[in-house]
C-alpha atoms as a PDB file:
ATOM      1  CA  MET A   1     151.587  79.430 173.131  1.00  0.00           C
ATOM      2  CA  GLY A   2     148.124  79.018 174.691  1.00  0.00           C
ATOM      3  CA  THR A   3     145.108  77.337 173.605  1.00  0.00           C
ATOM      4  CA  LEU A   4     143.942  76.712 169.988  1.00  0.00           C
ATOM      5  CA  LYS A   5     141.218  79.252 170.453  1.00  0.00           C
ATOM      6  CA  ASP A   6     143.799  81.949 171.602  1.00  0.00           C
ATOM      7  CA  ARG A   7     145.760  81.101 168.481  1.00  0.00           C
ATOM      8  CA  LEU A   8     142.720  81.637 166.276  1.00  0.00           C
ATOM      9  CA  ASN A   9     141.996  84.937 167.891  1.00  0.00           C
ATOM     10  CA  GLU A  10     145.717  86.090 167.498  1.00  0.00           C
ATOM     11  CA  ASP A  11     145.648  84.924 163.801  1.00  0.00           C
ATOM     12  CA  LEU A  12     142.348  86.888 163.347  1.00  0.00           C
ATOM     13  CA  HIS A  13     143.745  90.026 164.717  1.00  0.00           C
ATOM     14  CA  ALA A  14     146.915  89.647 162.562  1.00  0.00           C
ATOM     15  CA  ALA A  15     144.794  88.979 159.425  1.00  0.00           C
ATOM     16  CA  MET A  16     142.621  92.099 160.260  1.00  0.00           C
ATOM     17  CA  LYS A  17     145.780  94.175 160.586  1.00  0.00           C
ATOM     18  CA  GLY A  18     147.134  92.777 157.348  1.00  0.00           C
ATOM     19  CA  ARG A  19     143.889  93.415 155.645  1.00  0.00           C
ATOM     20  CA  ASP A  20     143.516  89.786 154.585  1.00  0.00           C
ATOM     21  CA  ASP A  21     139.760  89.605 154.068  1.00  0.00           C
ATOM     22  CA  LEU A  22     139.491  85.949 153.114  1.00  0.00           C
ATOM     23  CA  THR A  23     141.507  84.805 156.319  1.00  0.00           C
ATOM     24  CA  THR A  24     139.604  87.306 158.336  1.00  0.00           C
ATOM     25  CA  SER A  25     136.250  86.094 157.289  1.00  0.00           C
ATOM     26  CA  THR A  26     137.252  82.491 157.648  1.00  0.00           C
ATOM     27  CA  LEU A  27     138.545  82.862 161.150  1.00  0.00           C
ATOM     28  CA  ARG A  28     135.564  84.879 162.223  1.00  0.00           C
ATOM     29  CA  MET A  29     133.338  82.006 161.018  1.00  0.00           C
ATOM     30  CA  ALA A  30     135.466  79.482 162.739  1.00  0.00           C
ATOM     31  CA  LEU A  31     135.417  81.349 165.931  1.00  0.00           C
ATOM     32  CA  SER A  32     131.601  81.838 165.689  1.00  0.00           C
ATOM     33  CA  ALA A  33     131.276  78.095 165.239  1.00  0.00           C
ATOM     34  CA  VAL A  34     133.485  77.514 168.350  1.00  0.00           C
ATOM     35  CA  ARG A  35     131.361  80.054 170.382  1.00  0.00           C
ATOM     36  CA  ASN A  36     128.094  78.363 169.258  1.00  0.00           C
ATOM     37  CA  ALA A  37     129.570  75.076 170.503  1.00  0.00           C
ATOM     38  CA  GLU A  38     130.520  76.548 173.792  1.00  0.00           C
ATOM     39  CA  VAL A  39     127.021  77.862 174.546  1.00  0.00           C
ATOM     40  CA  SER A  40     125.170  74.889 173.140  1.00  0.00           C
ATOM     41  CA  GLY A  41     123.980  72.342 175.670  1.00  0.00           C
ATOM     42  CA  ASN A  42     122.966  72.840 179.323  1.00  0.00           C
ATOM     43  CA  ALA A  43     125.882  74.989 180.547  1.00  0.00           C
ATOM     44  CA  ALA A  44     128.042  77.503 178.658  1.00  0.00           C
ATOM     45  CA  ARG A  45     131.606  76.556 179.073  1.00  0.00           C
ATOM     46  CA  GLU A  46     135.130  76.843 177.466  1.00  0.00           C
ATOM     47  CA  LEU A  47     135.860  74.080 175.048  1.00  0.00           C
ATOM     48  CA  SER A  48     139.029  72.212 175.419  1.00  0.00           C
ATOM     49  CA  ASP A  49     141.578  72.122 172.446  1.00  0.00           C
ATOM     50  CA  ASP A  50     140.278  68.717 171.300  1.00  0.00           C
ATOM     51  CA  GLU A  51     136.677  70.043 171.231  1.00  0.00           C
ATOM     52  CA  VAL A  52     137.853  73.172 169.352  1.00  0.00           C
ATOM     53  CA  LEU A  53     139.742  70.876 166.966  1.00  0.00           C
ATOM     54  CA  SER A  54     136.497  68.824 166.400  1.00  0.00           C
ATOM     55  CA  VAL A  55     134.645  72.013 165.556  1.00  0.00           C
ATOM     56  CA  LEU A  56     137.325  73.074 163.123  1.00  0.00           C
ATOM     57  CA  THR A  57     137.226  69.591 161.487  1.00  0.00           C
ATOM     58  CA  LYS A  58     133.559  69.939 160.961  1.00  0.00           C
ATOM     59  CA  GLU A  59     133.832  73.379 159.482  1.00  0.00           C
ATOM     60  CA  ALA A  60     136.619  72.242 157.141  1.00  0.00           C
ATOM     61  CA  LYS A  61     134.528  69.285 155.996  1.00  0.00           C
ATOM     62  CA  LYS A  62     131.640  71.664 155.270  1.00  0.00           C
ATOM     63  CA  ARG A  63     133.909  73.746 153.172  1.00  0.00           C
ATOM     64  CA  ARG A  64     135.235  70.774 151.101  1.00  0.00           C
ATOM     65  CA  GLU A  65     131.609  69.542 150.579  1.00  0.00           C
ATOM     66  CA  ALA A  66     130.414  72.958 149.561  1.00  0.00           C
ATOM     67  CA  ALA A  67     133.413  73.289 147.121  1.00  0.00           C
ATOM     68  CA  THR A  68     132.401  69.912 145.491  1.00  0.00           C
ATOM     69  CA  ALA A  69     128.759  71.045 145.189  1.00  0.00           C
ATOM     70  CA  PHE A  70     129.709  74.414 143.705  1.00  0.00           C
ATOM     71  CA  GLN A  71     132.134  72.781 141.333  1.00  0.00           C
ATOM     72  CA  ASP A  72     129.420  70.230 140.179  1.00  0.00           C
ATOM     73  CA  ALA A  73     127.006  73.124 139.666  1.00  0.00           C
ATOM     74  CA  GLY A  74     129.593  74.909 137.403  1.00  0.00           C
ATOM     75  CA  ARG A  75     130.242  77.733 139.886  1.00  0.00           C
ATOM     76  CA  THR A  76     133.976  77.624 139.940  1.00  0.00           C
ATOM     77  CA  GLU A  77     134.487  81.030 141.483  1.00  0.00           C
ATOM     78  CA  GLN A  78     132.482  80.123 144.574  1.00  0.00           C
ATOM     79  CA  ALA A  79     134.161  76.648 144.617  1.00  0.00           C
ATOM     80  CA  ALA A  80     137.509  78.303 144.643  1.00  0.00           C
ATOM     81  CA  LYS A  81     136.540  80.480 147.573  1.00  0.00           C
ATOM     82  CA  GLU A  82     135.267  77.454 149.517  1.00  0.00           C
ATOM     83  CA  THR A  83     138.458  75.582 148.775  1.00  0.00           C
ATOM     84  CA  ALA A  84     140.614  78.502 150.003  1.00  0.00           C
ATOM     85  CA  GLU A  85     138.666  78.727 153.104  1.00  0.00           C
ATOM     86  CA  GLY A  86     139.162  75.007 153.751  1.00  0.00           C
ATOM     87  CA  GLY A  87     142.931  75.523 153.160  1.00  0.00           C
ATOM     88  CA  ILE A  88     142.946  78.288 155.818  1.00  0.00           C
ATOM     89  CA  LEU A  89     141.168  75.987 158.347  1.00  0.00           C
ATOM     90  CA  ASP A  90     143.553  73.025 157.406  1.00  0.00           C
ATOM     91  CA  ARG A  91     146.489  75.104 158.954  1.00  0.00           C
ATOM     92  CA  TYR A  92     144.933  74.423 162.457  1.00  0.00           C
ATOM     93  CA  LEU A  93     144.150  70.722 161.923  1.00  0.00           C
ATOM     94  CA  PRO A  94     146.577  67.844 162.341  1.00  0.00           C
ATOM     95  CA  ALA A  95     148.277  66.319 159.261  1.00  0.00           C
ATOM     96  CA  GLN A  96     145.901  63.805 157.670  1.00  0.00           C
ATOM     97  CA  LEU A  97     147.147  60.103 157.568  1.00  0.00           C
ATOM     98  CA  THR A  98     147.757  58.464 154.230  1.00  0.00           C
ATOM     99  CA  ASP A  99     145.744  55.413 153.045  1.00  0.00           C
ATOM    100  CA  ASP A 100     148.607  53.052 153.973  1.00  0.00           C
ATOM    101  CA  GLU A 101     148.764  54.502 157.540  1.00  0.00           C
ATOM    102  CA  ILE A 102     145.023  54.231 157.950  1.00  0.00           C
ATOM    103  CA  ALA A 103     145.227  50.572 156.671  1.00  0.00           C
ATOM    104  CA  THR A 104     147.965  49.761 159.242  1.00  0.00           C
ATOM    105  CA  LEU A 105     146.133  51.513 162.165  1.00  0.00           C
ATOM    106  CA  VAL A 106     142.845  49.841 161.368  1.00  0.00           C
ATOM    107  CA  ALA A 107     144.500  46.432 161.032  1.00  0.00           C
ATOM    108  CA  ASN A 108     146.041  46.689 164.407  1.00  0.00           C
ATOM    109  CA  ALA A 109     142.835  48.058 165.955  1.00  0.00           C
ATOM    110  CA  LEU A 110     140.819  45.104 164.515  1.00  0.00           C
ATOM    111  CA  ARG A 111     143.475  42.632 165.588  1.00  0.00           C
ATOM    112  CA  ALA A 112     143.647  43.980 169.122  1.00  0.00           C
ATOM    113  CA  GLY A 113     139.833  43.874 169.541  1.00  0.00           C
ATOM    114  CA  GLY A 114     139.526  40.366 167.906  1.00  0.00           C
ATOM    115  CA  LEU A 115     137.106  41.860 165.398  1.00  0.00           C
ATOM    116  CA  THR A 116     136.828  39.666 162.158  1.00  0.00           C
ATOM    117  CA  SER A 117     133.294  39.719 160.759  1.00  0.00           C
ATOM    118  CA  LYS A 118     131.243  42.427 159.037  1.00  0.00           C
ATOM    119  CA  SER A 119     128.496  42.002 161.736  1.00  0.00           C
ATOM    120  CA  GLN A 120     131.027  43.641 164.215  1.00  0.00           C
ATOM    121  CA  MET A 121     131.127  46.804 162.297  1.00  0.00           C
ATOM    122  CA  GLY A 122     130.002  49.093 165.134  1.00  0.00           C
ATOM    123  CA  PRO A 123     132.764  47.932 167.497  1.00  0.00           C
ATOM    124  CA  ALA A 124     135.246  47.886 164.831  1.00  0.00           C
ATOM    125  CA  MET A 125     134.545  51.542 163.732  1.00  0.00           C
ATOM    126  CA  LYS A 126     134.779  52.535 167.465  1.00  0.00           C
ATOM    127  CA  ALA A 127     138.247  50.991 167.718  1.00  0.00           C
ATOM    128  CA  ALA A 128     139.340  52.275 164.424  1.00  0.00           C
ATOM    129  CA  GLN A 129     138.278  55.874 165.191  1.00  0.00           C
ATOM    130  CA  ALA A 130     140.080  55.651 168.551  1.00  0.00           C
ATOM    131  CA  ALA A 131     143.255  54.476 166.732  1.00  0.00           C
ATOM    132  CA  VAL A 132     143.030  57.206 164.139  1.00  0.00           C
ATOM    133  CA  ALA A 133     142.237  59.991 166.659  1.00  0.00           C
ATOM    134  CA  GLY A 134     140.877  62.567 164.303  1.00  0.00           C
ATOM    135  CA  LYS A 135     143.746  62.390 161.822  1.00  0.00           C
ATOM    136  CA  ALA A 136     141.637  61.023 158.975  1.00  0.00           C
ATOM    137  CA  GLU A 137     138.037  61.534 157.851  1.00  0.00           C
ATOM    138  CA  GLY A 138     135.439  59.036 159.152  1.00  0.00           C
ATOM    139  CA  GLY A 139     134.493  57.971 155.570  1.00  0.00           C
ATOM    140  CA  ARG A 140     137.975  56.954 154.786  1.00  0.00           C
ATOM    141  CA  VAL A 141     138.242  55.015 157.986  1.00  0.00           C
ATOM    142  CA  ALA A 142     134.820  53.365 157.425  1.00  0.00           C
ATOM    143  CA  ALA A 143     135.887  52.242 153.867  1.00  0.00           C
ATOM    144  CA  GLU A 144     139.137  50.680 155.243  1.00  0.00           C
ATOM    145  CA  VAL A 145     137.242  48.981 158.087  1.00  0.00           C
ATOM    146  CA  ARG A 146     134.700  47.626 155.524  1.00  0.00           C
ATOM    147  CA  ARG A 147     137.482  46.431 153.297  1.00  0.00           C
ATOM    148  CA  GLN A 148     139.359  44.654 156.042  1.00  0.00           C
ATOM    149  CA  LEU A 149     136.237  42.883 157.495  1.00  0.00           C
ATOM    150  CA  THR A 150     135.303  41.270 154.332  1.00  0.00           C
END
């Protein structure tokens, strides 16, 4: 099918043809974030699918946080829009792991690394994040690592 960026572009064109304003604006925003990531740093270069996925994950997280902030401020219409944008971005992200799956992966990573004390939080997080491989938010993984190290 091509790269993830190609898929985003194809879906953008389909949304534009279908006059789906929310999807169009969301995908334009996502592609803009990808282009910004491509030109940041020393040399402009094409991002790999994993790097594009990382950008999309950050954008989806921004939408969730914004939706929560708007909800807390009583701006339900704006919160609903942010939630809908996050849902569109979620289509391109891998399925998130359940809490039980995270617990199992973290336990295996800690056992393999011989990590048992809270003072080893840094190496434990590195091992756990490698095991989870972007299929769960860092906060959920960190909470599970802290729970298992105590």
